[in-house]
Each structure stands twice: as C-alpha cells, then as structure tokens.
Amino acid sequence: MPHHKSAKKALRQSEKRRLRNRAFKSRVKTEIKKFLNYLQAGDLEKAEAQLRLAQSLLHKGVSKGIFHWKKAANKISKLFQKFNQAKFQATTQ
C-alpha cells in the first residue's frame, strides 16, 4: 500500500482507468463477435453495419490510449479481409 498522498491518489486513478479500459475492451470484443456472427449467418448488410461500428470503436480506443494504433489497424484489416472474402464468396455463388 502506498504511504504518500500522491501515491494514494495515483493508485485511485490507475484503478479507475483500469476498470474503464477493461469495460471498453470488453465492448469492442463483443461488437467484433457480433460482426463475426452476422458474417457466419450470411447477413452481409448487418455485418457491414457492425463492422463500421467495430471500426469506429477501435479508432476511438486508439484516441483514448486504450489500444496501440498498429494493433487497431491490424484488427480492422483482418476484419475487412474476412468481410471482403465473404462478400466475394456470396457474389460467386
């Protein structure tokens, strides 16, 4: 446990940030899972809307300092690859 006043405050602040970041990361993961479920079901319109939402949340996480910008870019890239692949498969059938 911290002994100094400033260390006690820093501990309180870091705990608040940790909980906020954890909730935000959980929300992002949930939205990505929803996107993947729509994609698997073959509902491309809902999947695209969900993809845009997930992309927006990832960008917001970068601006808040929750995600590194390269990690967010990689996640978005992978999601778009999956979406484009499913879209291509739907048009060729």
N, C-alpha and C. Protein backbone atom coordinates (compact mmCIF):
# COMPACT_ATOMS: atom_id res chain seq x y z
N MET A 1 0.84 -1.19 0.00
CA MET A 1 0.00 0.00 0.00
C MET A 1 0.88 1.25 0.00
N PRO A 2 0.41 2.26 -0.72
CA PRO A 2 1.20 3.50 -0.78
C PRO A 2 1.14 4.27 0.55
N HIS A 3 2.22 4.99 0.82
CA HIS A 3 2.31 5.75 2.06
C HIS A 3 2.12 7.25 1.84
N HIS A 4 2.48 7.72 0.66
CA HIS A 4 2.40 9.16 0.38
C HIS A 4 1.05 9.51 -0.24
N LYS A 5 0.67 10.74 -0.01
CA LYS A 5 -0.63 11.21 -0.51
C LYS A 5 -0.71 11.11 -2.03
N SER A 6 0.35 11.49 -2.72
CA SER A 6 0.34 11.47 -4.18
C SER A 6 0.29 10.03 -4.71
N ALA A 7 0.93 9.12 -4.00
CA ALA A 7 0.91 7.72 -4.41
C ALA A 7 -0.48 7.12 -4.22
N LYS A 8 -1.16 7.53 -3.16
CA LYS A 8 -2.53 7.05 -2.92
C LYS A 8 -3.46 7.53 -4.03
N LYS A 9 -3.30 8.79 -4.41
CA LYS A 9 -4.12 9.34 -5.50
C LYS A 9 -3.82 8.63 -6.81
N ALA A 10 -2.54 8.38 -7.08
CA ALA A 10 -2.16 7.68 -8.31
C ALA A 10 -2.76 6.28 -8.34
N LEU A 11 -2.81 5.63 -7.20
CA LEU A 11 -3.41 4.29 -7.13
C LEU A 11 -4.90 4.34 -7.45
N ARG A 12 -5.59 5.34 -6.88
CA ARG A 12 -7.03 5.50 -7.16
C ARG A 12 -7.26 5.77 -8.65
N GLN A 13 -6.45 6.64 -9.22
CA GLN A 13 -6.62 6.98 -10.63
C GLN A 13 -6.33 5.79 -11.54
N SER A 14 -5.28 5.04 -11.23
CA SER A 14 -4.93 3.92 -12.09
C SER A 14 -6.00 2.83 -12.01
N GLU A 15 -6.61 2.65 -10.86
CA GLU A 15 -7.68 1.65 -10.73
C GLU A 15 -8.90 2.07 -11.55
N LYS A 16 -9.24 3.35 -11.51
CA LYS A 16 -10.36 3.86 -12.31
C LYS A 16 -10.10 3.64 -13.80
N ARG A 17 -8.88 3.98 -14.22
CA ARG A 17 -8.51 3.82 -15.64
C ARG A 17 -8.55 2.36 -16.05
N ARG A 18 -8.04 1.49 -15.17
CA ARG A 18 -8.02 0.06 -15.48
C ARG A 18 -9.43 -0.47 -15.70
N LEU A 19 -10.35 -0.08 -14.83
CA LEU A 19 -11.73 -0.55 -14.97
C LEU A 19 -12.40 0.02 -16.23
N ARG A 20 -12.12 1.30 -16.51
CA ARG A 20 -12.69 1.92 -17.70
C ARG A 20 -12.15 1.27 -18.97
N ASN A 21 -10.84 1.02 -19.00
CA ASN A 21 -10.22 0.38 -20.17
C ASN A 21 -10.74 -1.04 -20.34
N ARG A 22 -10.90 -1.74 -19.24
CA ARG A 22 -11.39 -3.13 -19.29
C ARG A 22 -12.81 -3.18 -19.86
N ALA A 23 -13.66 -2.27 -19.43
CA ALA A 23 -15.03 -2.22 -19.94
C ALA A 23 -15.04 -1.89 -21.43
N PHE A 24 -14.19 -0.95 -21.82
CA PHE A 24 -14.14 -0.56 -23.23
C PHE A 24 -13.65 -1.71 -24.10
N LYS A 25 -12.61 -2.40 -23.65
CA LYS A 25 -12.07 -3.54 -24.41
C LYS A 25 -13.12 -4.64 -24.53
N SER A 26 -13.87 -4.85 -23.47
CA SER A 26 -14.91 -5.86 -23.49
C SER A 26 -15.98 -5.51 -24.51
N ARG A 27 -16.34 -4.23 -24.58
CA ARG A 27 -17.35 -3.79 -25.54
C ARG A 27 -16.86 -3.99 -26.97
N VAL A 28 -15.60 -3.67 -27.22
CA VAL A 28 -15.03 -3.85 -28.55
C VAL A 28 -15.07 -5.32 -28.95
N LYS A 29 -14.67 -6.20 -28.02
CA LYS A 29 -14.68 -7.63 -28.31
C LYS A 29 -16.10 -8.12 -28.61
N THR A 30 -17.08 -7.61 -27.86
CA THR A 30 -18.47 -8.01 -28.08
C THR A 30 -18.94 -7.59 -29.47
N GLU A 31 -18.61 -6.37 -29.87
CA GLU A 31 -19.03 -5.88 -31.18
C GLU A 31 -18.36 -6.67 -32.30
N ILE A 32 -17.11 -7.07 -32.11
CA ILE A 32 -16.42 -7.87 -33.12
C ILE A 32 -17.07 -9.25 -33.22
N LYS A 33 -17.44 -9.83 -32.07
CA LYS A 33 -18.11 -11.13 -32.09
C LYS A 33 -19.46 -11.05 -32.80
N LYS A 34 -20.18 -9.95 -32.57
CA LYS A 34 -21.46 -9.76 -33.27
C LYS A 34 -21.24 -9.70 -34.78
N PHE A 35 -20.19 -8.98 -35.19
CA PHE A 35 -19.86 -8.90 -36.62
C PHE A 35 -19.58 -10.29 -37.18
N LEU A 36 -18.78 -11.07 -36.48
CA LEU A 36 -18.43 -12.41 -36.96
C LEU A 36 -19.66 -13.31 -37.01
N ASN A 37 -20.58 -13.15 -36.07
CA ASN A 37 -21.81 -13.94 -36.09
C ASN A 37 -22.68 -13.59 -37.29
N TYR A 38 -22.82 -12.29 -37.58
CA TYR A 38 -23.59 -11.87 -38.76
C TYR A 38 -22.93 -12.40 -40.03
N LEU A 39 -21.62 -12.37 -40.07
CA LEU A 39 -20.88 -12.83 -41.23
C LEU A 39 -21.09 -14.33 -41.43
N GLN A 40 -21.06 -15.07 -40.35
CA GLN A 40 -21.24 -16.51 -40.43
C GLN A 40 -22.66 -16.86 -40.85
N ALA A 41 -23.62 -16.04 -40.44
CA ALA A 41 -25.02 -16.28 -40.80
C ALA A 41 -25.29 -15.88 -42.25
N GLY A 42 -24.38 -15.11 -42.85
CA GLY A 42 -24.54 -14.70 -44.24
C GLY A 42 -25.31 -13.41 -44.41
N ASP A 43 -25.54 -12.69 -43.33
CA ASP A 43 -26.26 -11.41 -43.39
C ASP A 43 -25.24 -10.29 -43.59
N LEU A 44 -24.92 -10.02 -44.87
CA LEU A 44 -23.84 -9.07 -45.16
C LEU A 44 -24.18 -7.63 -44.83
N GLU A 45 -25.46 -7.25 -44.93
CA GLU A 45 -25.83 -5.86 -44.62
C GLU A 45 -25.61 -5.56 -43.14
N LYS A 46 -26.10 -6.45 -42.29
CA LYS A 46 -25.91 -6.25 -40.85
C LYS A 46 -24.44 -6.37 -40.48
N ALA A 47 -23.75 -7.28 -41.16
CA ALA A 47 -22.32 -7.47 -40.89
C ALA A 47 -21.55 -6.20 -41.22
N GLU A 48 -21.91 -5.56 -42.34
CA GLU A 48 -21.19 -4.33 -42.72
C GLU A 48 -21.45 -3.21 -41.71
N ALA A 49 -22.70 -3.09 -41.26
CA ALA A 49 -23.01 -2.06 -40.26
C ALA A 49 -22.25 -2.34 -38.97
N GLN A 50 -22.18 -3.59 -38.58
CA GLN A 50 -21.47 -3.98 -37.36
C GLN A 50 -19.97 -3.76 -37.51
N LEU A 51 -19.46 -3.99 -38.72
CA LEU A 51 -18.05 -3.77 -39.00
C LEU A 51 -17.71 -2.29 -38.84
N ARG A 52 -18.56 -1.43 -39.35
CA ARG A 52 -18.33 0.02 -39.23
C ARG A 52 -18.32 0.45 -37.77
N LEU A 53 -19.23 -0.14 -36.98
CA LEU A 53 -19.29 0.19 -35.55
C LEU A 53 -18.01 -0.27 -34.84
N ALA A 54 -17.58 -1.49 -35.13
CA ALA A 54 -16.36 -2.01 -34.52
C ALA A 54 -15.14 -1.17 -34.92
N GLN A 55 -15.11 -0.77 -36.18
CA GLN A 55 -14.01 0.07 -36.66
C GLN A 55 -13.99 1.41 -35.92
N SER A 56 -15.16 1.99 -35.75
CA SER A 56 -15.27 3.25 -35.04
C SER A 56 -14.79 3.12 -33.59
N LEU A 57 -15.21 2.04 -32.94
CA LEU A 57 -14.80 1.83 -31.55
C LEU A 57 -13.29 1.61 -31.44
N LEU A 58 -12.72 0.89 -32.38
CA LEU A 58 -11.27 0.69 -32.35
C LEU A 58 -10.52 2.01 -32.52
N HIS A 59 -11.01 2.85 -33.44
CA HIS A 59 -10.38 4.16 -33.62
C HIS A 59 -10.52 5.01 -32.36
N LYS A 60 -11.68 4.93 -31.74
CA LYS A 60 -11.91 5.68 -30.51
C LYS A 60 -10.98 5.18 -29.41
N GLY A 61 -10.77 3.87 -29.36
CA GLY A 61 -9.86 3.30 -28.37
C GLY A 61 -8.43 3.77 -28.57
N VAL A 62 -8.04 3.96 -29.81
CA VAL A 62 -6.70 4.47 -30.10
C VAL A 62 -6.58 5.91 -29.60
N SER A 63 -7.60 6.71 -29.86
CA SER A 63 -7.52 8.11 -29.45
C SER A 63 -7.55 8.26 -27.93
N LYS A 64 -8.17 7.31 -27.23
CA LYS A 64 -8.20 7.35 -25.77
C LYS A 64 -6.96 6.70 -25.15
N GLY A 65 -6.13 6.07 -25.98
CA GLY A 65 -4.91 5.46 -25.47
C GLY A 65 -5.12 4.05 -24.94
N ILE A 66 -6.23 3.43 -25.29
CA ILE A 66 -6.51 2.07 -24.82
C ILE A 66 -5.81 1.04 -25.69
N PHE A 67 -5.80 1.29 -27.00
CA PHE A 67 -5.14 0.39 -27.95
C PHE A 67 -3.97 1.12 -28.61
N HIS A 68 -2.96 0.36 -28.97
CA HIS A 68 -1.89 0.91 -29.80
C HIS A 68 -2.45 1.03 -31.23
N TRP A 69 -2.04 2.04 -31.94
CA TRP A 69 -2.63 2.30 -33.26
C TRP A 69 -2.35 1.16 -34.24
N LYS A 70 -1.21 0.50 -34.10
CA LYS A 70 -0.92 -0.59 -35.03
C LYS A 70 -1.78 -1.82 -34.72
N LYS A 71 -2.05 -2.06 -33.46
CA LYS A 71 -2.91 -3.18 -33.09
C LYS A 71 -4.31 -2.96 -33.65
N ALA A 72 -4.82 -1.75 -33.50
CA ALA A 72 -6.15 -1.43 -34.02
C ALA A 72 -6.18 -1.55 -35.54
N ALA A 73 -5.13 -1.08 -36.19
CA ALA A 73 -5.07 -1.16 -37.66
C ALA A 73 -5.05 -2.61 -38.11
N ASN A 74 -4.31 -3.47 -37.40
CA ASN A 74 -4.26 -4.88 -37.75
C ASN A 74 -5.62 -5.55 -37.56
N LYS A 75 -6.29 -5.23 -36.46
CA LYS A 75 -7.62 -5.81 -36.21
C LYS A 75 -8.60 -5.39 -37.30
N ILE A 76 -8.59 -4.11 -37.63
CA ILE A 76 -9.51 -3.60 -38.65
C ILE A 76 -9.21 -4.27 -40.00
N SER A 77 -7.93 -4.40 -40.31
CA SER A 77 -7.54 -5.02 -41.57
C SER A 77 -8.04 -6.47 -41.64
N LYS A 78 -7.86 -7.22 -40.56
CA LYS A 78 -8.30 -8.62 -40.54
C LYS A 78 -9.81 -8.72 -40.70
N LEU A 79 -10.54 -7.81 -40.03
CA LEU A 79 -12.00 -7.84 -40.12
C LEU A 79 -12.47 -7.52 -41.54
N PHE A 80 -11.83 -6.54 -42.18
CA PHE A 80 -12.20 -6.20 -43.55
C PHE A 80 -11.84 -7.33 -44.52
N GLN A 81 -10.74 -8.02 -44.26
CA GLN A 81 -10.38 -9.17 -45.11
C GLN A 81 -11.47 -10.23 -45.03
N LYS A 82 -11.93 -10.52 -43.83
CA LYS A 82 -12.99 -11.53 -43.66
C LYS A 82 -14.27 -11.08 -44.34
N PHE A 83 -14.60 -9.79 -44.19
CA PHE A 83 -15.82 -9.27 -44.81
C PHE A 83 -15.73 -9.34 -46.33
N ASN A 84 -14.61 -8.91 -46.89
CA ASN A 84 -14.46 -8.92 -48.35
C ASN A 84 -14.45 -10.34 -48.90
N GLN A 85 -13.87 -11.25 -48.17
CA GLN A 85 -13.86 -12.65 -48.60
C GLN A 85 -15.28 -13.21 -48.62
N ALA A 86 -16.05 -12.92 -47.59
CA ALA A 86 -17.44 -13.40 -47.54
C ALA A 86 -18.27 -12.74 -48.65
N LYS A 87 -18.01 -11.48 -48.91
CA LYS A 87 -18.73 -10.76 -49.97
C LYS A 87 -18.40 -11.37 -51.34
N PHE A 88 -17.13 -11.69 -51.53
CA PHE A 88 -16.71 -12.30 -52.79
C PHE A 88 -17.35 -13.67 -52.98
N GLN A 89 -17.38 -14.45 -51.92
CA GLN A 89 -17.97 -15.78 -51.99
C GLN A 89 -19.48 -15.70 -52.27
N ALA A 90 -20.13 -14.68 -51.74
CA ALA A 90 -21.57 -14.52 -51.95
C ALA A 90 -21.87 -14.14 -53.40
N THR A 91 -20.97 -13.39 -54.03
CA THR A 91 -21.22 -12.97 -55.41
C THR A 91 -20.89 -14.07 -56.42
N THR A 92 -19.98 -14.97 -56.05
CA THR A 92 -19.58 -16.02 -56.99
C THR A 92 -20.55 -17.20 -56.97
N GLN A 93 -21.39 -17.29 -55.95
CA GLN A 93 -22.32 -18.41 -55.88
C GLN A 93 -23.57 -18.17 -56.67
